[in-house]
Amino acid sequence: MKIFHSITDFRSTKKTIITLGTFDGVHIGHKKILDKVLQNASGGEYESLVLTFFPHPRMVLQGDSDIKLLNTIDEKIELLEKIGLDNLVIHPFDQVFSRLTAEEFVDNILVKRLHVHKIIIGYDHRFGRNRTANIDDLIAFGKQYNFEVEQISVQEINEISVSSTKIRNALLEGNMTLANDYLGYSYFLTGTVVQGKQLGRTIGFPTANLQIKENYKLIPLNGVYIVSSIFGKKKFFGMMNIGFNPTVSGQEKSIEINYFDFDADLYNQKISVNILHRLRCEQKFESVDLLKEQLQKDKIETLRYLKL
């Protein structure tokens, strides 16, 4: 997959089959649209292309700095790459871009820059300045500028009835089963392992302390989770705690993972953690010994869940 960080950087000698959107989560609803793009480009005459934006338009237009997203931009690239697209264009979204009229967007971007042959779009898509243009306008532009428009019907989307908002809400409630079902994969966190307080090491549960630099990444509800990661092409399972470590009067929120049967040094390494299942809420215990006892129970429950 070729990645372009601006519309102006895009280069291709072929016409393109395009879809566009934020694609937060790259969930099973998104994949329905992306599969259609791939099918239309499968003959080799055309190239598949996804146009997405960063930062998220709501961050720019509404000053919504509190918005939480399912993917960092690097995670989104990783997920889209797995699908097998030819081209990904990540355009910087700003006030100037948001003020393009619908016809300017179609003429200057889709036609002249991205060489659109066909655009595949959801039934409710709106575009142009103040999002005033709709699917009917796009079809009219298609006739004017000689490109096809394929609309994903409300029936097709409703068959799945999934949205990024539903997935965010499930994660904030700790409902990993629902979130992962809607995503079509295990929700994951990507970050760097940093030095922690090393309490876990003293009670037989050494942890990797995960630091996520992107403050817009959605972190699930505090609690204890069953997780997995790949190191050296081998999968390791473990438990992750998200929260404040109330037993030892922790003041800052942390993400700590205890991997089973793993003793390599992960400090300063970037790792990815797949969240499989939520075990329980975070709890405050009367002593570190009681915490250790609970962690032993959590490990037994984890191994039972994983059938290990």
C-alpha atoms as a PDB file:
ATOM      1  CA  MET A   1       0.000   0.000   0.000  1.00  0.00           C
ATOM      2  CA  LYS A   2       1.349   3.404  -0.982  1.00  0.00           C
ATOM      3  CA  ILE A   3       0.819   6.082   1.656  1.00  0.00           C
ATOM      4  CA  PHE A   4       0.533   9.791   0.827  1.00  0.00           C
ATOM      5  CA  HIS A   5       0.347  12.428   3.552  1.00  0.00           C
ATOM      6  CA  SER A   6      -1.370  15.011   1.372  1.00  0.00           C
ATOM      7  CA  ILE A   7      -3.672  15.031  -1.635  1.00  0.00           C
ATOM      8  CA  THR A   8      -1.030  17.031  -3.516  1.00  0.00           C
ATOM      9  CA  ASP A   9       1.514  14.215  -2.995  1.00  0.00           C
ATOM     10  CA  PHE A  10      -0.637  11.586  -4.737  1.00  0.00           C
ATOM     11  CA  ARG A  11       0.783  10.161  -7.943  1.00  0.00           C
ATOM     12  CA  SER A  12      -0.741   7.534 -10.208  1.00  0.00           C
ATOM     13  CA  THR A  13      -1.063   6.889 -13.919  1.00  0.00           C
ATOM     14  CA  LYS A  14      -4.322   4.970 -13.428  1.00  0.00           C
ATOM     15  CA  LYS A  15      -7.858   6.057 -12.712  1.00  0.00           C
ATOM     16  CA  THR A  16      -9.018   5.304  -9.173  1.00  0.00           C
ATOM     17  CA  ILE A  17     -11.877   3.678  -7.277  1.00  0.00           C
ATOM     18  CA  ILE A  18     -12.280   5.899  -4.214  1.00  0.00           C
ATOM     19  CA  THR A  19     -13.984   5.945  -0.872  1.00  0.00           C
ATOM     20  CA  LEU A  20     -13.474   8.588   1.787  1.00  0.00           C
ATOM     21  CA  GLY A  21     -14.150   9.129   5.470  1.00  0.00           C
ATOM     22  CA  THR A  22     -12.524   9.105   8.893  1.00  0.00           C
ATOM     23  CA  PHE A  23     -12.718   5.278   9.172  1.00  0.00           C
ATOM     24  CA  ASP A  24     -12.186   5.380  12.928  1.00  0.00           C
ATOM     25  CA  GLY A  25     -11.804   1.787  14.092  1.00  0.00           C
ATOM     26  CA  VAL A  26     -11.789   0.325  10.549  1.00  0.00           C
ATOM     27  CA  HIS A  27     -14.691  -1.787  11.823  1.00  0.00           C
ATOM     28  CA  ILE A  28     -16.894  -4.364  10.089  1.00  0.00           C
ATOM     29  CA  GLY A  29     -19.169  -1.638   8.690  1.00  0.00           C
ATOM     30  CA  HIS A  30     -16.186   0.131   7.125  1.00  0.00           C
ATOM     31  CA  LYS A  31     -14.931  -3.172   5.722  1.00  0.00           C
ATOM     32  CA  LYS A  32     -18.193  -3.622   3.811  1.00  0.00           C
ATOM     33  CA  ILE A  33     -17.431  -0.400   1.918  1.00  0.00           C
ATOM     34  CA  LEU A  34     -13.713  -1.171   1.547  1.00  0.00           C
ATOM     35  CA  ASP A  35     -14.483  -4.620   0.117  1.00  0.00           C
ATOM     36  CA  LYS A  36     -16.589  -2.967  -2.592  1.00  0.00           C
ATOM     37  CA  VAL A  37     -13.677  -0.666  -3.438  1.00  0.00           C
ATOM     38  CA  LEU A  38     -11.330  -3.647  -3.750  1.00  0.00           C
ATOM     39  CA  GLN A  39     -13.802  -5.599  -5.876  1.00  0.00           C
ATOM     40  CA  ASN A  40     -14.185  -2.667  -8.279  1.00  0.00           C
ATOM     41  CA  ALA A  41     -10.409  -2.293  -8.601  1.00  0.00           C
ATOM     42  CA  SER A  42      -9.636  -6.007  -8.861  1.00  0.00           C
ATOM     43  CA  GLY A  43      -9.260  -6.156 -12.650  1.00  0.00           C
ATOM     44  CA  GLY A  44      -6.052  -4.129 -12.663  1.00  0.00           C
ATOM     45  CA  GLU A  45      -7.389  -1.302 -14.828  1.00  0.00           C
ATOM     46  CA  TYR A  46      -8.032   0.898 -11.784  1.00  0.00           C
ATOM     47  CA  GLU A  47      -6.343   1.433  -8.411  1.00  0.00           C
ATOM     48  CA  SER A  48      -8.133   1.390  -5.067  1.00  0.00           C
ATOM     49  CA  LEU A  49      -7.797   4.529  -2.953  1.00  0.00           C
ATOM     50  CA  VAL A  50      -8.963   5.589   0.503  1.00  0.00           C
ATOM     51  CA  LEU A  51      -8.996   9.285   1.337  1.00  0.00           C
ATOM     52  CA  THR A  52      -9.005   9.995   5.048  1.00  0.00           C
ATOM     53  CA  PHE A  53      -8.146  12.981   7.192  1.00  0.00           C
ATOM     54  CA  PHE A  54      -6.018  13.883  10.192  1.00  0.00           C
ATOM     55  CA  PRO A  55      -6.646  15.485  12.588  1.00  0.00           C
ATOM     56  CA  HIS A  56     -10.253  14.369  12.937  1.00  0.00           C
ATOM     57  CA  PRO A  57     -12.550  17.088  11.478  1.00  0.00           C
ATOM     58  CA  ARG A  58     -14.326  17.508  14.832  1.00  0.00           C
ATOM     59  CA  MET A  59     -11.014  18.472  16.446  1.00  0.00           C
ATOM     60  CA  VAL A  60     -10.649  21.295  13.921  1.00  0.00           C
ATOM     61  CA  LEU A  61     -14.210  22.493  13.290  1.00  0.00           C
ATOM     62  CA  GLN A  62     -15.589  22.136  16.820  1.00  0.00           C
ATOM     63  CA  GLY A  63     -12.363  22.575  18.781  1.00  0.00           C
ATOM     64  CA  ASP A  64     -13.241  19.192  20.301  1.00  0.00           C
ATOM     65  CA  SER A  65      -9.924  18.356  21.935  1.00  0.00           C
ATOM     66  CA  ASP A  66     -11.670  15.853  24.221  1.00  0.00           C
ATOM     67  CA  ILE A  67     -12.756  13.551  21.397  1.00  0.00           C
ATOM     68  CA  LYS A  68     -11.440  10.030  21.858  1.00  0.00           C
ATOM     69  CA  LEU A  69     -10.705   7.886  18.811  1.00  0.00           C
ATOM     70  CA  LEU A  70     -10.461   4.127  18.382  1.00  0.00           C
ATOM     71  CA  ASN A  71      -7.219   4.315  16.400  1.00  0.00           C
ATOM     72  CA  THR A  72      -4.119   6.430  16.386  1.00  0.00           C
ATOM     73  CA  ILE A  73      -3.131   7.393  12.849  1.00  0.00           C
ATOM     74  CA  ASP A  74      -0.399   4.704  12.843  1.00  0.00           C
ATOM     75  CA  GLU A  75      -2.896   2.052  13.975  1.00  0.00           C
ATOM     76  CA  LYS A  76      -5.327   3.103  11.239  1.00  0.00           C
ATOM     77  CA  ILE A  77      -2.563   2.760   8.631  1.00  0.00           C
ATOM     78  CA  GLU A  78      -1.752  -0.725   9.974  1.00  0.00           C
ATOM     79  CA  LEU A  79      -5.400  -1.836   9.762  1.00  0.00           C
ATOM     80  CA  LEU A  80      -5.974  -0.430   6.270  1.00  0.00           C
ATOM     81  CA  GLU A  81      -2.732  -1.982   5.027  1.00  0.00           C
ATOM     82  CA  LYS A  82      -3.989  -5.439   6.045  1.00  0.00           C
ATOM     83  CA  ILE A  83      -7.045  -4.984   3.819  1.00  0.00           C
ATOM     84  CA  GLY A  84      -4.894  -4.817   0.678  1.00  0.00           C
ATOM     85  CA  LEU A  85      -5.546  -1.311  -0.653  1.00  0.00           C
ATOM     86  CA  ASP A  86      -3.368   0.200  -3.363  1.00  0.00           C
ATOM     87  CA  ASN A  87      -3.337   3.757  -2.007  1.00  0.00           C
ATOM     88  CA  LEU A  88      -4.028   5.588   1.239  1.00  0.00           C
ATOM     89  CA  VAL A  89      -4.138   9.387   1.216  1.00  0.00           C
ATOM     90  CA  ILE A  90      -4.090  10.999   4.677  1.00  0.00           C
ATOM     91  CA  HIS A  91      -4.832  14.655   4.108  1.00  0.00           C
ATOM     92  CA  PRO A  92      -4.203  17.280   6.834  1.00  0.00           C
ATOM     93  CA  PHE A  93      -7.645  18.589   7.758  1.00  0.00           C
ATOM     94  CA  ASP A  94      -7.707  22.318   8.476  1.00  0.00           C
ATOM     95  CA  GLN A  95     -10.014  25.338   8.240  1.00  0.00           C
ATOM     96  CA  VAL A  96      -8.899  26.124   4.674  1.00  0.00           C
ATOM     97  CA  PHE A  97      -9.758  22.609   3.469  1.00  0.00           C
ATOM     98  CA  SER A  98     -13.104  22.723   5.299  1.00  0.00           C
ATOM     99  CA  ARG A  99     -14.107  25.833   3.334  1.00  0.00           C
ATOM    100  CA  LEU A 100     -13.873  24.157  -0.068  1.00  0.00           C
ATOM    101  CA  THR A 101     -17.261  24.174  -1.801  1.00  0.00           C
ATOM    102  CA  ALA A 102     -18.670  20.833  -2.897  1.00  0.00           C
ATOM    103  CA  GLU A 103     -17.825  21.562  -6.547  1.00  0.00           C
ATOM    104  CA  GLU A 104     -14.286  22.713  -5.680  1.00  0.00           C
ATOM    105  CA  PHE A 105     -13.787  19.470  -3.762  1.00  0.00           C
ATOM    106  CA  VAL A 106     -15.080  17.359  -6.636  1.00  0.00           C
ATOM    107  CA  ASP A 107     -13.279  19.234  -9.421  1.00  0.00           C
ATOM    108  CA  ASN A 108      -9.945  20.087  -7.751  1.00  0.00           C
ATOM    109  CA  ILE A 109      -9.563  17.042  -5.496  1.00  0.00           C
ATOM    110  CA  LEU A 110     -11.490  14.020  -6.784  1.00  0.00           C
ATOM    111  CA  VAL A 111     -11.143  14.678 -10.520  1.00  0.00           C
ATOM    112  CA  LYS A 112      -7.891  16.597 -11.032  1.00  0.00           C
ATOM    113  CA  ARG A 113      -5.799  15.253  -8.158  1.00  0.00           C
ATOM    114  CA  LEU A 114      -7.114  11.756  -7.442  1.00  0.00           C
ATOM    115  CA  HIS A 115      -8.253  10.819 -10.999  1.00  0.00           C
ATOM    116  CA  VAL A 116     -11.549   9.361  -9.837  1.00  0.00           C
ATOM    117  CA  HIS A 117     -13.275   6.790 -12.038  1.00  0.00           C
ATOM    118  CA  LYS A 118     -15.783   5.740  -9.402  1.00  0.00           C
ATOM    119  CA  ILE A 119     -16.560   6.798  -5.851  1.00  0.00           C
ATOM    120  CA  ILE A 120     -18.227   4.423  -3.377  1.00  0.00           C
ATOM    121  CA  ILE A 121     -19.905   6.161  -0.494  1.00  0.00           C
ATOM    122  CA  GLY A 122     -22.364   5.656   2.361  1.00  0.00           C
ATOM    123  CA  TYR A 123     -25.990   6.677   1.886  1.00  0.00           C
ATOM    124  CA  ASP A 124     -25.714   9.454   4.500  1.00  0.00           C
ATOM    125  CA  HIS A 125     -22.442  11.017   3.369  1.00  0.00           C
ATOM    126  CA  ARG A 126     -22.314  14.819   3.263  1.00  0.00           C
ATOM    127  CA  PHE A 127     -19.454  16.941   1.963  1.00  0.00           C
ATOM    128  CA  GLY A 128     -18.350  20.415   0.951  1.00  0.00           C
ATOM    129  CA  ARG A 129     -18.396  23.643   2.953  1.00  0.00           C
ATOM    130  CA  ASN A 130     -20.692  23.261   5.985  1.00  0.00           C
ATOM    131  CA  ARG A 131     -21.445  19.714   4.757  1.00  0.00           C
ATOM    132  CA  THR A 132     -24.226  21.076   2.546  1.00  0.00           C
ATOM    133  CA  ALA A 133     -23.877  18.605  -0.373  1.00  0.00           C
ATOM    134  CA  ASN A 134     -25.367  15.108  -0.268  1.00  0.00           C
ATOM    135  CA  ILE A 135     -25.407  11.924  -2.325  1.00  0.00           C
ATOM    136  CA  ASP A 136     -27.781  13.437  -4.927  1.00  0.00           C
ATOM    137  CA  ASP A 137     -25.349  16.314  -5.480  1.00  0.00           C
ATOM    138  CA  LEU A 138     -22.494  13.846  -5.845  1.00  0.00           C
ATOM    139  CA  ILE A 139     -24.409  11.859  -8.466  1.00  0.00           C
ATOM    140  CA  ALA A 140     -25.058  15.100 -10.375  1.00  0.00           C
ATOM    141  CA  PHE A 141     -21.339  15.977 -10.208  1.00  0.00           C
ATOM    142  CA  GLY A 142     -20.552  12.473 -11.441  1.00  0.00           C
ATOM    143  CA  LYS A 143     -22.586  13.087 -14.591  1.00  0.00           C
ATOM    144  CA  GLN A 144     -20.968  16.506 -15.049  1.00  0.00           C
ATOM    145  CA  TYR A 145     -17.370  15.307 -14.546  1.00  0.00           C
ATOM    146  CA  ASN A 146     -17.772  11.797 -15.948  1.00  0.00           C
ATOM    147  CA  PHE A 147     -17.289   9.517 -12.949  1.00  0.00           C
ATOM    148  CA  GLU A 148     -19.524   6.864 -11.408  1.00  0.00           C
ATOM    149  CA  VAL A 149     -21.117   6.991  -7.960  1.00  0.00           C
ATOM    150  CA  GLU A 150     -22.079   3.854  -6.047  1.00  0.00           C
ATOM    151  CA  GLN A 151     -24.141   4.346  -2.941  1.00  0.00           C
ATOM    152  CA  ILE A 152     -24.050   1.949   0.014  1.00  0.00           C
ATOM    153  CA  SER A 153     -27.723   1.596   0.864  1.00  0.00           C
ATOM    154  CA  VAL A 154     -29.217   2.142   4.286  1.00  0.00           C
ATOM    155  CA  GLN A 155     -30.361  -1.493   4.201  1.00  0.00           C
ATOM    156  CA  GLU A 156     -26.791  -2.745   3.693  1.00  0.00           C
ATOM    157  CA  ILE A 157     -25.410  -0.612   6.521  1.00  0.00           C
ATOM    158  CA  ASN A 158     -28.308  -1.454   8.844  1.00  0.00           C
ATOM    159  CA  GLU A 159     -27.740  -5.168   8.293  1.00  0.00           C
ATOM    160  CA  ILE A 160     -24.601  -4.670  10.317  1.00  0.00           C
ATOM    161  CA  SER A 161     -25.895  -1.776  12.433  1.00  0.00           C
ATOM    162  CA  VAL A 162     -22.478  -0.818  13.698  1.00  0.00           C
ATOM    163  CA  SER A 163     -20.838   2.542  14.213  1.00  0.00           C
ATOM    164  CA  SER A 164     -17.644   3.910  15.717  1.00  0.00           C
ATOM    165  CA  THR A 165     -19.792   5.611  18.385  1.00  0.00           C
ATOM    166  CA  LYS A 166     -21.329   2.284  19.470  1.00  0.00           C
ATOM    167  CA  ILE A 167     -17.843   0.772  19.750  1.00  0.00           C
ATOM    168  CA  ARG A 168     -16.557   3.729  21.789  1.00  0.00           C
ATOM    169  CA  ASN A 169     -19.502   3.397  24.181  1.00  0.00           C
ATOM    170  CA  ALA A 170     -18.924  -0.353  24.555  1.00  0.00           C
ATOM    171  CA  LEU A 171     -15.256   0.233  25.430  1.00  0.00           C
ATOM    172  CA  LEU A 172     -16.120   2.947  27.940  1.00  0.00           C
ATOM    173  CA  GLU A 173     -18.472   0.429  29.589  1.00  0.00           C
ATOM    174  CA  GLY A 174     -15.795  -2.293  29.537  1.00  0.00           C
ATOM    175  CA  ASN A 175     -17.871  -4.454  27.173  1.00  0.00           C
ATOM    176  CA  MET A 176     -15.011  -6.014  25.211  1.00  0.00           C
ATOM    177  CA  THR A 177     -17.186  -8.755  23.703  1.00  0.00           C
ATOM    178  CA  LEU A 178     -19.465  -6.252  21.972  1.00  0.00           C
ATOM    179  CA  ALA A 179     -16.620  -3.912  20.987  1.00  0.00           C
ATOM    180  CA  ASN A 180     -14.509  -6.695  19.484  1.00  0.00           C
ATOM    181  CA  ASP A 181     -17.512  -8.181  17.663  1.00  0.00           C
ATOM    182  CA  TYR A 182     -18.227  -4.816  16.039  1.00  0.00           C
ATOM    183  CA  LEU A 183     -14.566  -4.211  15.223  1.00  0.00           C
ATOM    184  CA  GLY A 184     -13.983  -7.649  13.740  1.00  0.00           C
ATOM    185  CA  TYR A 185     -10.689  -7.872  15.654  1.00  0.00           C
ATOM    186  CA  SER A 186      -9.437  -7.403  19.220  1.00  0.00           C
ATOM    187  CA  TYR A 187      -9.211  -3.749  20.256  1.00  0.00           C
ATOM    188  CA  PHE A 188      -5.578  -2.874  20.809  1.00  0.00           C
ATOM    189  CA  LEU A 189      -3.357  -0.288  22.467  1.00  0.00           C
ATOM    190  CA  THR A 190       0.014   0.754  21.088  1.00  0.00           C
ATOM    191  CA  GLY A 191       2.610   2.489  23.229  1.00  0.00           C
ATOM    192  CA  THR A 192       6.099   2.510  24.669  1.00  0.00           C
ATOM    193  CA  VAL A 193       7.149   0.560  27.767  1.00  0.00           C
ATOM    194  CA  VAL A 194       8.476   2.962  30.418  1.00  0.00           C
ATOM    195  CA  GLN A 195       9.828   2.626  33.946  1.00  0.00           C
ATOM    196  CA  GLY A 196       7.100   2.105  36.517  1.00  0.00           C
ATOM    197  CA  LYS A 197       7.091   1.846  40.346  1.00  0.00           C
ATOM    198  CA  GLN A 198       8.049  -1.845  40.050  1.00  0.00           C
ATOM    199  CA  LEU A 199       5.608  -2.930  42.749  1.00  0.00           C
ATOM    200  CA  GLY A 200       4.558  -5.891  40.615  1.00  0.00           C
ATOM    201  CA  ARG A 201       8.084  -7.249  40.586  1.00  0.00           C
ATOM    202  CA  THR A 202       8.118  -7.418  44.392  1.00  0.00           C
ATOM    203  CA  ILE A 203       4.920  -9.505  44.562  1.00  0.00           C
ATOM    204  CA  GLY A 204       5.686 -11.916  41.739  1.00  0.00           C
ATOM    205  CA  PHE A 205       3.755 -10.098  38.990  1.00  0.00           C
ATOM    206  CA  PRO A 206       6.279  -7.938  37.111  1.00  0.00           C
ATOM    207  CA  THR A 207       4.563  -5.527  34.750  1.00  0.00           C
ATOM    208  CA  ALA A 208       5.327  -3.596  31.588  1.00  0.00           C
ATOM    209  CA  ASN A 209       4.150  -0.010  32.102  1.00  0.00           C
ATOM    210  CA  LEU A 210       2.602   1.220  28.849  1.00  0.00           C
ATOM    211  CA  GLN A 211       2.766   4.893  27.911  1.00  0.00           C
ATOM    212  CA  ILE A 212       0.551   6.066  25.043  1.00  0.00           C
ATOM    213  CA  LYS A 213       1.655   9.415  23.616  1.00  0.00           C
ATOM    214  CA  GLU A 214      -1.527  10.097  21.625  1.00  0.00           C
ATOM    215  CA  ASN A 215      -3.905  11.655  24.159  1.00  0.00           C
ATOM    216  CA  TYR A 216      -6.838  11.214  21.758  1.00  0.00           C
ATOM    217  CA  LYS A 217      -6.614   7.395  21.899  1.00  0.00           C
ATOM    218  CA  LEU A 218      -9.602   5.888  23.704  1.00  0.00           C
ATOM    219  CA  ILE A 219      -8.636   3.838  26.766  1.00  0.00           C
ATOM    220  CA  PRO A 220     -11.276   1.321  27.931  1.00  0.00           C
ATOM    221  CA  LEU A 221     -12.971   1.447  31.343  1.00  0.00           C
ATOM    222  CA  ASN A 222     -10.628   0.978  34.317  1.00  0.00           C
ATOM    223  CA  GLY A 223     -10.230  -2.625  35.360  1.00  0.00           C
ATOM    224  CA  VAL A 224      -8.357  -5.882  34.811  1.00  0.00           C
ATOM    225  CA  TYR A 225      -8.246  -7.382  31.320  1.00  0.00           C
ATOM    226  CA  ILE A 226      -6.983 -10.505  29.559  1.00  0.00           C
ATOM    227  CA  VAL A 227      -4.532  -9.497  26.814  1.00  0.00           C
ATOM    228  CA  SER A 228      -2.076 -10.843  24.271  1.00  0.00           C
ATOM    229  CA  SER A 229       0.948  -9.511  22.371  1.00  0.00           C
ATOM    230  CA  ILE A 230       3.298 -10.841  19.721  1.00  0.00           C
ATOM    231  CA  PHE A 231       7.020 -10.816  20.479  1.00  0.00           C
ATOM    232  CA  GLY A 232       9.438 -12.445  18.047  1.00  0.00           C
ATOM    233  CA  LYS A 233       6.577 -14.058  16.083  1.00  0.00           C
ATOM    234  CA  LYS A 234       5.355 -15.780  19.261  1.00  0.00           C
ATOM    235  CA  LYS A 235       2.111 -14.923  21.045  1.00  0.00           C
ATOM    236  CA  PHE A 236       2.253 -14.245  24.787  1.00  0.00           C
ATOM    237  CA  PHE A 237      -0.805 -13.887  27.009  1.00  0.00           C
ATOM    238  CA  GLY A 238      -1.173 -11.904  30.185  1.00  0.00           C
ATOM    239  CA  MET A 239      -3.258  -9.590  32.349  1.00  0.00           C
ATOM    240  CA  MET A 240      -3.508  -5.821  32.112  1.00  0.00           C
ATOM    241  CA  ASN A 241      -4.621  -3.338  34.746  1.00  0.00           C
ATOM    242  CA  ILE A 242      -5.966   0.056  33.721  1.00  0.00           C
ATOM    243  CA  GLY A 243      -6.392   2.448  36.627  1.00  0.00           C
ATOM    244  CA  PHE A 244      -4.866   4.146  39.632  1.00  0.00           C
ATOM    245  CA  ASN A 245      -3.538   1.254  41.763  1.00  0.00           C
ATOM    246  CA  PRO A 246      -5.691   2.254  44.768  1.00  0.00           C
ATOM    247  CA  THR A 247      -4.202  -0.410  47.046  1.00  0.00           C
ATOM    248  CA  VAL A 248      -0.919   1.540  47.093  1.00  0.00           C
ATOM    249  CA  SER A 249      -2.631   4.961  46.894  1.00  0.00           C
ATOM    250  CA  GLY A 250      -1.681   5.590  43.282  1.00  0.00           C
ATOM    251  CA  GLN A 251      -2.293   9.135  42.064  1.00  0.00           C
ATOM    252  CA  GLU A 252      -1.834   8.763  38.319  1.00  0.00           C
ATOM    253  CA  LYS A 253      -3.649   6.532  35.868  1.00  0.00           C
ATOM    254  CA  SER A 254      -1.459   3.767  34.483  1.00  0.00           C
ATOM    255  CA  ILE A 255      -1.655   0.835  32.080  1.00  0.00           C
ATOM    256  CA  GLU A 256       0.341  -2.162  33.309  1.00  0.00           C
ATOM    257  CA  ILE A 257       0.661  -5.584  31.700  1.00  0.00           C
ATOM    258  CA  ASN A 258       1.866  -8.784  33.331  1.00  0.00           C
ATOM    259  CA  TYR A 259       2.856 -11.284  30.620  1.00  0.00           C
ATOM    260  CA  PHE A 260       2.925 -14.981  31.504  1.00  0.00           C
ATOM    261  CA  ASP A 261       6.144 -16.972  30.908  1.00  0.00           C
ATOM    262  CA  PHE A 262       7.947 -13.934  29.545  1.00  0.00           C
ATOM    263  CA  ASP A 263      11.094 -12.363  30.963  1.00  0.00           C
ATOM    264  CA  ALA A 264      12.660 -10.313  28.143  1.00  0.00           C
ATOM    265  CA  ASP A 265      13.448  -6.632  28.709  1.00  0.00           C
ATOM    266  CA  LEU A 266      10.782  -4.451  27.086  1.00  0.00           C
ATOM    267  CA  TYR A 267      11.928  -1.056  28.355  1.00  0.00           C
ATOM    268  CA  ASN A 268      11.749   1.683  25.697  1.00  0.00           C
ATOM    269  CA  GLN A 269      10.223  -0.740  23.197  1.00  0.00           C
ATOM    270  CA  LYS A 270       7.040   0.045  21.281  1.00  0.00           C
ATOM    271  CA  ILE A 271       4.518  -2.733  21.811  1.00  0.00           C
ATOM    272  CA  SER A 272       0.947  -3.531  20.795  1.00  0.00           C
ATOM    273  CA  VAL A 273      -1.494  -5.040  23.300  1.00  0.00           C
ATOM    274  CA  ASN A 274      -4.638  -6.858  22.128  1.00  0.00           C
ATOM    275  CA  ILE A 275      -7.482  -6.699  24.662  1.00  0.00           C
ATOM    276  CA  LEU A 276      -9.410  -9.978  24.667  1.00  0.00           C
ATOM    277  CA  HIS A 277     -11.720  -9.891  27.688  1.00  0.00           C
ATOM    278  CA  ARG A 278     -12.495  -7.876  30.845  1.00  0.00           C
ATOM    279  CA  LEU A 279     -12.062  -9.800  34.085  1.00  0.00           C
ATOM    280  CA  ARG A 280     -13.184  -7.353  36.752  1.00  0.00           C
ATOM    281  CA  CYS A 281     -13.286  -3.796  38.055  1.00  0.00           C
ATOM    282  CA  GLU A 282     -10.225  -2.247  39.640  1.00  0.00           C
ATOM    283  CA  GLN A 283     -10.389  -2.782  43.413  1.00  0.00           C
ATOM    284  CA  LYS A 284      -8.727  -1.394  46.515  1.00  0.00           C
ATOM    285  CA  PHE A 285      -7.416  -4.123  48.836  1.00  0.00           C
ATOM    286  CA  GLU A 286      -6.594  -3.727  52.521  1.00  0.00           C
ATOM    287  CA  SER A 287      -3.052  -4.983  51.985  1.00  0.00           C
ATOM    288  CA  VAL A 288      -0.545  -5.828  49.282  1.00  0.00           C
ATOM    289  CA  ASP A 289      -0.824  -9.480  50.326  1.00  0.00           C
ATOM    290  CA  LEU A 290      -4.569  -9.459  49.571  1.00  0.00           C
ATOM    291  CA  LEU A 291      -3.819  -7.835  46.212  1.00  0.00           C
ATOM    292  CA  LYS A 292      -1.310 -10.595  45.455  1.00  0.00           C
ATOM    293  CA  GLU A 293      -3.905 -13.210  46.417  1.00  0.00           C
ATOM    294  CA  GLN A 294      -6.440 -11.653  44.026  1.00  0.00           C
ATOM    295  CA  LEU A 295      -3.884 -11.521  41.209  1.00  0.00           C
ATOM    296  CA  GLN A 296      -3.304 -15.249  41.652  1.00  0.00           C
ATOM    297  CA  LYS A 297      -7.065 -15.797  41.293  1.00  0.00           C
ATOM    298  CA  ASP A 298      -7.107 -13.508  38.231  1.00  0.00           C
ATOM    299  CA  LYS A 299      -4.340 -15.552  36.634  1.00  0.00           C
ATOM    300  CA  ILE A 300      -6.236 -18.810  37.237  1.00  0.00           C
ATOM    301  CA  GLU A 301      -9.376 -17.237  35.726  1.00  0.00           C
ATOM    302  CA  THR A 302      -7.335 -15.969  32.754  1.00  0.00           C
ATOM    303  CA  LEU A 303      -5.829 -19.398  32.052  1.00  0.00           C
ATOM    304  CA  ARG A 304      -9.301 -20.935  32.307  1.00  0.00           C
ATOM    305  CA  TYR A 305     -10.688 -18.378  29.842  1.00  0.00           C
ATOM    306  CA  LEU A 306      -7.823 -19.007  27.411  1.00  0.00           C
ATOM    307  CA  LYS A 307      -8.108 -22.769  27.943  1.00  0.00           C
ATOM    308  CA  LEU A 308      -4.358 -22.928  28.630  1.00  0.00           C
END
